Amino acid sequence: METGKRGNAAQAAAGTAKAERDLPAAGALGGFEEQLAEVSLNKRRLAEADLEPFRELAVAAADDGTPLRALVGACLGSACRHWSDLPGTKQARDREALEQVVSVVLWAVGDTTVALTEAYETAHRAAIRGEEATRREFVDDLLEGRTHLGRLAERAERFGFRLLGPHVIAVVRAADAFGAGDAATRYVEEALVARFSAREVLITTKEGLLVCVSPGGATEVPASLADAVRHAVGDHYRIAVSRPRSGPSGIVRSYQEARSTLDLAVTLGLRTQVVDAADVLVFQVLGRDQAAITDLVATVLGGLEGARGGPQPLLKTLTAYFASGCLNTTTARLLGLSVRAVSYRLGRIRQLTGHDPTDPEQRYVLQTAALGARLLDWPSSPLQPAD
């Protein structure tokens, strides 16, 4: 039994010695032994000034990456080793006097441990905030393309980010704006990093939006992002996903595309919460020439304004007809109408526009005009003539 106790004591002493060797400031805990000796005699708790050196030690340890357990282990180990040699312990003549020494020494150990822990955690949080700020600045410069390529590459290497590979940008808008370090942003970032690692995804906030940069080959990132966002903010959100592009300039273009896709989804009144830029590419193309698409809608669909009840019912029928693959029965089911009613409406569209939606050669013009009408929000919004 005694052999076992001596073995355990030896192991504890060895562990404490190693913990002290790991500390960034050699001999910094030597002052702790002096503090214990003093409090064992005067029976007073340590003052704030007495604890300040240990706070400085904890800050240095956090900066050097020394584990907190090394600090606490060295503190407790020093108290255990020197307990029997403390002057107060040696001078105690009875149980009551010894209990007083035990009490004040325990207070000293506890106060020192608390000081070490609080200072270490404060320094650690400050370091994390600094790293997050640096990372956000890097991603912001990456999205805007403001930094020289060489400098950008150096910063990318620091974060383990492959700058030249194809990347996809996802932009998220929610009912409440996202902010750097807020609860929703932290939740989404931690959820994605836990699954894909910090080298695969970069998360930042920009103008109230949440922005995610991920490798083009990681096709599962948008779905995981949507899942994390839903858990963080509920169902009131929309995500726009760019097409993959390579290099720093590609990242800038993808970010701009995701932003414009997000705005376009609102304009089109899309109900889906995750919108792929590729799925609305035709609207992007049409929107590049506002004057031409306005003229097309006015020329091709303007005659629908002469319909009883206005152009909206016939335009809705036309949109459903194209969405159904130009099948009358499917269109009727989508609109809750009879097949006969759909056929009548298609006939009226032909009469009012001069274009037959059932004729393959004329169908493309009508479909393009119908897409343009959605883009311009016509007929709810009047067409603005080109200057």
Protein backbone atom coordinates (compact mmCIF):
# COMPACT_ATOMS: atom_id res chain seq x y z
CA MET A 1 0.00 0.00 0.00
CA GLU A 2 2.80 2.43 0.97
CA THR A 3 4.60 1.59 -2.23
CA GLY A 4 1.49 2.49 -4.23
CA LYS A 5 1.13 5.80 -2.41
CA ARG A 6 4.78 6.68 -3.02
CA GLY A 7 4.33 5.80 -6.70
CA ASN A 8 1.26 8.04 -7.00
CA ALA A 9 3.06 10.89 -5.28
CA ALA A 10 6.02 10.51 -7.61
CA GLN A 11 3.74 10.58 -10.64
CA ALA A 12 1.97 13.69 -9.36
CA ALA A 13 5.30 15.42 -8.73
CA ALA A 14 6.51 14.52 -12.22
CA GLY A 15 3.29 15.84 -13.77
CA THR A 16 3.57 19.09 -11.83
CA ALA A 17 7.20 19.52 -12.85
CA LYS A 18 6.27 19.03 -16.51
CA ALA A 19 3.42 21.54 -16.18
CA GLU A 20 5.84 24.12 -14.77
CA ARG A 21 8.32 23.48 -17.58
CA ASP A 22 5.55 24.16 -20.12
CA LEU A 23 4.87 27.62 -18.70
CA PRO A 24 5.98 30.55 -20.88
CA ALA A 25 7.64 32.55 -18.09
CA ALA A 26 10.36 30.59 -16.29
CA GLY A 27 10.18 30.90 -12.55
CA ALA A 28 6.93 32.87 -12.65
CA LEU A 29 5.34 30.60 -10.05
CA GLY A 30 8.25 31.06 -7.69
CA GLY A 31 6.46 34.08 -6.33
CA PHE A 32 3.53 31.87 -5.48
CA GLU A 33 5.58 29.95 -2.93
CA GLU A 34 6.53 33.22 -1.27
CA GLN A 35 2.89 34.29 -1.21
CA LEU A 36 1.88 31.03 0.44
CA ALA A 37 4.62 31.41 3.04
CA GLU A 38 3.43 34.93 3.85
CA VAL A 39 -0.28 34.12 4.14
CA SER A 40 0.49 31.09 6.30
CA LEU A 41 1.99 33.52 8.83
CA ASN A 42 -0.27 36.61 8.61
CA LYS A 43 -3.49 34.61 8.04
CA ARG A 44 -4.72 37.18 5.49
CA ARG A 45 -6.09 36.55 2.00
CA LEU A 46 -4.12 37.69 -1.04
CA ALA A 47 -4.71 41.27 -2.18
CA GLU A 48 -5.49 42.23 -5.78
CA ALA A 49 -1.93 43.47 -6.22
CA ASP A 50 -0.62 40.06 -5.16
CA LEU A 51 -2.69 38.38 -7.87
CA GLU A 52 -1.65 40.68 -10.72
CA PRO A 53 1.59 38.77 -11.60
CA PHE A 54 -0.44 35.59 -12.01
CA ARG A 55 -2.87 37.35 -14.35
CA GLU A 56 0.07 38.50 -16.45
CA LEU A 57 1.40 34.94 -16.48
CA ALA A 58 -1.99 33.66 -17.69
CA VAL A 59 -2.09 36.22 -20.52
CA ALA A 60 1.42 35.19 -21.61
CA ALA A 61 0.40 31.52 -21.45
CA ALA A 62 -2.68 32.16 -23.61
CA ASP A 63 -0.58 34.06 -26.18
CA ASP A 64 1.96 31.21 -26.31
CA GLY A 65 -0.69 28.52 -26.59
CA THR A 66 0.16 26.99 -23.20
CA PRO A 67 -2.80 24.93 -21.92
CA LEU A 68 -4.72 26.34 -18.99
CA ARG A 69 -4.37 23.00 -17.22
CA ALA A 70 -0.59 23.56 -17.12
CA LEU A 71 -1.11 26.78 -15.17
CA VAL A 72 -3.62 25.30 -12.74
CA GLY A 73 -1.59 22.10 -12.35
CA ALA A 74 1.58 24.05 -11.54
CA CYS A 75 -0.30 26.18 -9.01
CA LEU A 76 -1.86 23.23 -7.20
CA GLY A 77 1.31 21.17 -7.42
CA SER A 78 3.39 23.95 -5.87
CA ALA A 79 0.96 24.22 -2.95
CA CYS A 80 1.06 20.45 -2.38
CA ARG A 81 4.85 20.28 -2.50
CA HIS A 82 5.53 23.18 -0.19
CA TRP A 83 2.68 22.70 2.30
CA SER A 84 4.76 20.98 4.93
CA ASP A 85 7.58 23.54 4.58
CA LEU A 86 5.43 26.63 5.04
CA PRO A 87 6.45 28.63 8.13
CA GLY A 88 2.87 28.79 9.33
CA THR A 89 2.57 25.02 9.09
CA LYS A 90 5.78 24.48 11.07
CA GLN A 91 4.79 26.96 13.77
CA ALA A 92 1.30 25.50 14.32
CA ARG A 93 1.22 23.95 17.79
CA ASP A 94 -2.32 22.59 17.88
CA ARG A 95 -5.16 21.51 15.65
CA GLU A 96 -6.89 24.89 15.71
CA ALA A 97 -3.76 26.73 14.58
CA LEU A 98 -3.18 24.20 11.81
CA GLU A 99 -6.77 24.55 10.62
CA GLN A 100 -6.26 28.31 10.33
CA VAL A 101 -3.22 27.77 8.15
CA VAL A 102 -5.11 25.24 5.99
CA SER A 103 -7.99 27.66 5.56
CA VAL A 104 -5.91 30.65 4.51
CA VAL A 105 -3.69 28.58 2.21
CA LEU A 106 -6.75 27.11 0.50
CA TRP A 107 -8.12 30.62 0.01
CA ALA A 108 -4.80 31.69 -1.53
CA VAL A 109 -4.76 28.69 -3.86
CA GLY A 110 -8.40 29.31 -4.83
CA ASP A 111 -7.93 33.04 -5.45
CA THR A 112 -4.82 32.40 -7.53
CA THR A 113 -6.55 29.72 -9.58
CA VAL A 114 -9.50 32.03 -10.25
CA ALA A 115 -7.16 34.86 -11.26
CA LEU A 116 -5.26 32.57 -13.62
CA THR A 117 -8.44 31.18 -15.16
CA GLU A 118 -10.20 34.51 -15.62
CA ALA A 119 -7.15 36.20 -17.17
CA TYR A 120 -6.47 33.21 -19.42
CA GLU A 121 -10.06 33.06 -20.68
CA THR A 122 -10.18 36.82 -21.25
CA ALA A 123 -6.95 36.72 -23.26
CA HIS A 124 -8.17 33.67 -25.17
CA ARG A 125 -11.46 35.36 -26.10
CA ALA A 126 -9.59 38.49 -27.19
CA ALA A 127 -7.30 36.37 -29.38
CA ILE A 128 -10.30 34.62 -30.94
CA ARG A 129 -12.02 37.95 -31.64
CA GLY A 130 -8.82 39.25 -33.21
CA GLU A 131 -8.52 36.16 -35.39
CA GLU A 132 -12.16 36.44 -36.40
CA ALA A 133 -11.73 40.11 -37.30
CA THR A 134 -8.66 39.29 -39.41
CA ARG A 135 -10.53 36.47 -41.12
CA ARG A 136 -13.57 38.71 -41.83
CA GLU A 137 -11.28 41.39 -43.28
CA PHE A 138 -9.65 38.80 -45.54
CA VAL A 139 -13.00 37.48 -46.81
CA ASP A 140 -14.29 41.02 -47.31
CA ASP A 141 -11.24 41.94 -49.40
CA LEU A 142 -11.62 38.65 -51.27
CA LEU A 143 -15.23 39.40 -52.19
CA GLU A 144 -14.52 42.97 -53.26
CA GLY A 145 -11.22 42.25 -55.04
CA ARG A 146 -9.57 45.24 -53.39
CA THR A 147 -6.22 43.66 -52.50
CA HIS A 148 -3.20 42.88 -54.68
CA LEU A 149 -3.18 39.23 -55.73
CA GLY A 150 0.19 38.49 -54.10
CA ARG A 151 -0.87 39.91 -50.76
CA LEU A 152 -4.21 38.12 -51.01
CA ALA A 153 -2.44 34.82 -51.67
CA GLU A 154 -0.26 35.27 -48.57
CA ARG A 155 -3.31 35.86 -46.39
CA ALA A 156 -5.15 32.93 -47.97
CA GLU A 157 -2.23 30.65 -47.13
CA ARG A 158 -2.46 31.71 -43.49
CA PHE A 159 -6.02 30.43 -43.33
CA GLY A 160 -5.27 27.32 -45.40
CA PHE A 161 -7.58 28.58 -48.15
CA ARG A 162 -6.96 27.45 -51.73
CA LEU A 163 -7.28 30.68 -53.65
CA LEU A 164 -7.00 29.38 -57.22
CA GLY A 165 -9.54 26.55 -57.15
CA PRO A 166 -13.16 26.96 -58.30
CA HIS A 167 -15.41 28.40 -55.60
CA VAL A 168 -19.11 28.92 -55.05
CA ILE A 169 -20.60 31.86 -53.15
CA ALA A 170 -23.86 31.52 -51.22
CA VAL A 171 -25.56 34.64 -49.89
CA VAL A 172 -28.25 34.48 -47.19
CA ARG A 173 -30.88 37.08 -46.34
CA ALA A 174 -33.10 36.61 -43.29
CA ALA A 175 -35.85 38.61 -41.62
CA ASP A 176 -33.27 40.07 -39.22
CA ALA A 177 -29.92 41.26 -40.53
CA PHE A 178 -26.90 39.09 -39.81
CA GLY A 179 -24.13 40.71 -37.78
CA ALA A 180 -20.52 39.75 -37.12
CA GLY A 181 -20.37 37.62 -33.99
CA ASP A 182 -24.12 37.52 -33.30
CA ALA A 183 -25.77 34.31 -32.17
CA ALA A 184 -27.18 33.32 -35.57
CA THR A 185 -23.89 33.93 -37.38
CA ARG A 186 -21.90 31.97 -34.81
CA TYR A 187 -24.33 29.06 -34.95
CA VAL A 188 -24.16 28.79 -38.74
CA GLU A 189 -20.37 29.14 -38.82
CA GLU A 190 -19.82 26.54 -36.10
CA ALA A 191 -22.24 24.11 -37.76
CA LEU A 192 -20.49 24.35 -41.13
CA VAL A 193 -16.96 24.29 -39.74
CA ALA A 194 -17.84 21.23 -37.67
CA ARG A 195 -18.81 19.40 -40.85
CA PHE A 196 -16.47 20.81 -43.49
CA SER A 197 -13.58 22.40 -41.49
CA ALA A 198 -12.51 26.05 -41.51
CA ARG A 199 -10.33 25.46 -44.58
CA GLU A 200 -13.27 24.46 -46.74
CA VAL A 201 -15.74 27.19 -45.84
CA LEU A 202 -15.30 30.88 -45.11
CA ILE A 203 -18.18 32.65 -43.39
CA THR A 204 -18.60 36.40 -43.06
CA THR A 205 -21.31 39.04 -42.85
CA LYS A 206 -21.72 41.91 -45.29
CA GLU A 207 -24.40 44.58 -45.31
CA GLY A 208 -26.72 42.45 -43.18
CA LEU A 209 -26.23 39.35 -45.33
CA LEU A 210 -24.49 36.12 -44.45
CA VAL A 211 -21.89 35.09 -47.04
CA CYS A 212 -20.42 31.61 -47.42
CA VAL A 213 -17.43 30.85 -49.67
CA SER A 214 -16.90 27.14 -50.40
CA PRO A 215 -15.05 24.93 -52.91
CA GLY A 216 -16.88 24.38 -56.18
CA GLY A 217 -16.70 20.62 -55.72
CA ALA A 218 -18.35 20.67 -52.29
CA THR A 219 -21.87 20.51 -53.70
CA GLU A 220 -23.39 19.60 -50.33
CA VAL A 221 -22.42 22.92 -48.71
CA PRO A 222 -25.53 24.92 -49.84
CA ALA A 223 -27.89 22.28 -48.41
CA SER A 224 -25.95 22.20 -45.13
CA LEU A 225 -25.94 25.98 -45.05
CA ALA A 226 -29.71 26.06 -45.52
CA ASP A 227 -30.17 23.54 -42.71
CA ALA A 228 -27.97 25.55 -40.32
CA VAL A 229 -29.69 28.82 -41.23
CA ARG A 230 -33.12 27.27 -40.68
CA HIS A 231 -32.10 26.15 -37.19
CA ALA A 232 -30.62 29.57 -36.44
CA VAL A 233 -33.33 31.94 -37.73
CA GLY A 234 -36.38 29.81 -38.55
CA ASP A 235 -38.07 29.57 -41.95
CA HIS A 236 -37.85 33.24 -42.93
CA TYR A 237 -34.74 33.25 -45.09
CA ARG A 238 -33.61 32.98 -48.68
CA ILE A 239 -30.30 31.72 -50.07
CA ALA A 240 -28.84 32.50 -53.49
CA VAL A 241 -26.05 30.26 -54.80
CA SER A 242 -23.67 31.36 -57.55
CA ARG A 243 -22.15 29.26 -60.29
CA PRO A 244 -18.60 28.01 -59.58
CA ARG A 245 -15.72 30.15 -60.87
CA SER A 246 -11.95 29.94 -60.46
CA GLY A 247 -9.46 32.40 -59.04
CA PRO A 248 -9.85 35.65 -57.07
CA SER A 249 -11.65 37.43 -59.91
CA GLY A 250 -14.03 34.48 -60.15
CA ILE A 251 -14.86 34.84 -56.47
CA VAL A 252 -15.72 38.51 -57.00
CA ARG A 253 -17.95 37.68 -59.97
CA SER A 254 -19.64 34.83 -58.11
CA TYR A 255 -20.37 37.08 -55.15
CA GLN A 256 -21.92 39.70 -57.42
CA GLU A 257 -23.95 37.01 -59.17
CA ALA A 258 -25.25 35.62 -55.87
CA ARG A 259 -26.26 39.12 -54.74
CA SER A 260 -28.10 39.86 -57.99
CA THR A 261 -29.76 36.42 -57.89
CA LEU A 262 -31.00 37.14 -54.37
CA ASP A 263 -32.58 40.40 -55.53
CA LEU A 264 -33.96 38.76 -58.66
CA ALA A 265 -35.68 36.07 -56.58
CA VAL A 266 -37.57 38.80 -54.76
CA THR A 267 -38.52 40.53 -58.02
CA LEU A 268 -39.80 37.28 -59.51
CA GLY A 269 -41.62 36.33 -56.33
CA LEU A 270 -39.94 32.93 -56.20
CA ARG A 271 -41.14 30.75 -53.34
CA THR A 272 -38.16 28.44 -53.14
CA GLN A 273 -35.79 29.30 -50.30
CA VAL A 274 -32.59 28.17 -52.05
CA VAL A 275 -32.19 29.73 -55.51
CA ASP A 276 -29.45 28.59 -57.86
CA ALA A 277 -28.12 31.30 -60.17
CA ALA A 278 -28.08 28.82 -63.04
CA ASP A 279 -31.84 28.31 -62.70
CA VAL A 280 -32.59 32.01 -63.25
CA LEU A 281 -29.84 32.64 -65.78
CA VAL A 282 -32.34 33.43 -68.52
CA PHE A 283 -33.73 36.27 -66.39
CA GLN A 284 -30.22 37.58 -65.84
CA VAL A 285 -29.68 37.65 -69.60
CA LEU A 286 -33.00 39.34 -70.26
CA GLY A 287 -32.41 41.90 -67.56
CA ARG A 288 -29.16 43.12 -69.11
CA ASP A 289 -31.08 45.03 -71.78
CA GLN A 290 -34.00 46.69 -70.02
CA ALA A 291 -35.07 48.68 -73.07
CA ALA A 292 -35.15 45.62 -75.33
CA ILE A 293 -37.14 43.43 -72.94
CA THR A 294 -39.61 46.26 -72.23
CA ASP A 295 -40.14 46.71 -75.97
CA LEU A 296 -40.60 42.95 -76.41
CA VAL A 297 -43.25 42.71 -73.67
CA ALA A 298 -45.12 45.75 -74.97
CA THR A 299 -45.04 44.54 -78.57
CA VAL A 300 -45.87 40.87 -78.02
CA LEU A 301 -48.12 40.94 -74.95
CA GLY A 302 -49.52 44.46 -75.06
CA GLY A 303 -52.63 43.22 -76.85
CA LEU A 304 -53.62 41.25 -73.74
CA GLU A 305 -54.65 44.54 -72.12
CA GLY A 306 -57.74 44.40 -74.32
CA ALA A 307 -58.96 41.22 -72.64
CA ARG A 308 -61.97 41.30 -70.37
CA GLY A 309 -60.62 41.28 -66.81
CA GLY A 310 -57.23 42.57 -67.92
CA PRO A 311 -54.11 40.74 -69.05
CA GLN A 312 -53.31 38.94 -65.78
CA PRO A 313 -55.54 35.81 -66.20
CA LEU A 314 -54.33 35.18 -69.75
CA LEU A 315 -50.68 35.80 -68.79
CA LYS A 316 -51.05 33.39 -65.88
CA THR A 317 -52.46 30.79 -68.27
CA LEU A 318 -49.60 31.34 -70.67
CA THR A 319 -47.00 30.91 -67.90
CA ALA A 320 -48.66 27.72 -66.63
CA TYR A 321 -48.91 26.38 -70.18
CA PHE A 322 -45.18 26.72 -70.75
CA ALA A 323 -44.39 25.33 -67.28
CA SER A 324 -46.49 22.23 -68.04
CA GLY A 325 -44.58 21.44 -71.21
CA CYS A 326 -47.37 22.89 -73.36
CA LEU A 327 -49.91 20.29 -72.25
CA ASN A 328 -53.51 21.47 -71.94
CA THR A 329 -54.50 18.84 -69.38
CA THR A 330 -51.57 19.59 -67.09
CA THR A 331 -52.18 23.34 -67.46
CA ALA A 332 -55.82 22.84 -66.51
CA ARG A 333 -54.79 20.93 -63.39
CA LEU A 334 -52.27 23.61 -62.38
CA LEU A 335 -54.84 26.38 -62.73
CA GLY A 336 -57.86 24.47 -61.44
CA LEU A 337 -59.67 24.95 -64.73
CA SER A 338 -61.27 22.66 -67.28
CA VAL A 339 -59.35 21.69 -70.38
CA ARG A 340 -61.98 23.51 -72.44
CA ALA A 341 -61.37 26.73 -70.50
CA VAL A 342 -57.62 26.44 -71.09
CA SER A 343 -58.17 25.93 -74.82
CA TYR A 344 -60.44 28.99 -74.91
CA ARG A 345 -57.82 31.15 -73.16
CA LEU A 346 -55.05 30.00 -75.49
CA GLY A 347 -57.30 30.94 -78.42
CA ARG A 348 -57.86 34.41 -76.94
CA ILE A 349 -54.09 34.85 -76.50
CA ARG A 350 -53.64 34.04 -80.20
CA GLN A 351 -56.34 36.53 -81.18
CA LEU A 352 -55.04 39.38 -78.98
CA THR A 353 -51.29 38.97 -79.56
CA GLY A 354 -51.13 37.54 -83.06
CA HIS A 355 -48.87 34.77 -81.75
CA ASP A 356 -50.07 31.19 -81.40
CA PRO A 357 -48.73 29.50 -78.22
CA THR A 358 -49.46 26.07 -79.74
CA ASP A 359 -47.26 26.79 -82.77
CA PRO A 360 -43.63 25.71 -82.06
CA GLU A 361 -42.26 28.45 -84.31
CA GLN A 362 -44.17 31.21 -82.48
CA ARG A 363 -43.95 29.69 -79.00
CA TYR A 364 -40.41 30.92 -78.25
CA VAL A 365 -41.33 34.59 -78.76
CA LEU A 366 -44.32 34.29 -76.45
CA GLN A 367 -42.33 32.40 -73.79
CA THR A 368 -39.52 34.96 -73.85
CA ALA A 369 -42.03 37.79 -73.55
CA ALA A 370 -43.75 35.99 -70.65
CA LEU A 371 -40.41 35.67 -68.85
CA GLY A 372 -39.76 39.35 -69.46
CA ALA A 373 -43.16 40.20 -68.01
CA ARG A 374 -42.23 38.38 -64.80
CA LEU A 375 -38.94 40.23 -64.68
CA LEU A 376 -40.65 43.60 -65.13
CA ASP A 377 -43.56 42.66 -62.83
CA TRP A 378 -46.00 43.43 -65.63
CA PRO A 379 -48.92 44.04 -65.63
CA SER A 380 -48.85 44.93 -61.90
CA SER A 381 -46.25 47.59 -62.71
CA PRO A 382 -46.73 49.66 -65.89
CA LEU A 383 -44.06 49.40 -68.56
CA GLN A 384 -41.59 52.27 -68.57
CA PRO A 385 -40.76 53.39 -72.10
CA ALA A 386 -37.08 53.59 -73.01
CA ASP A 387 -35.52 57.04 -73.18
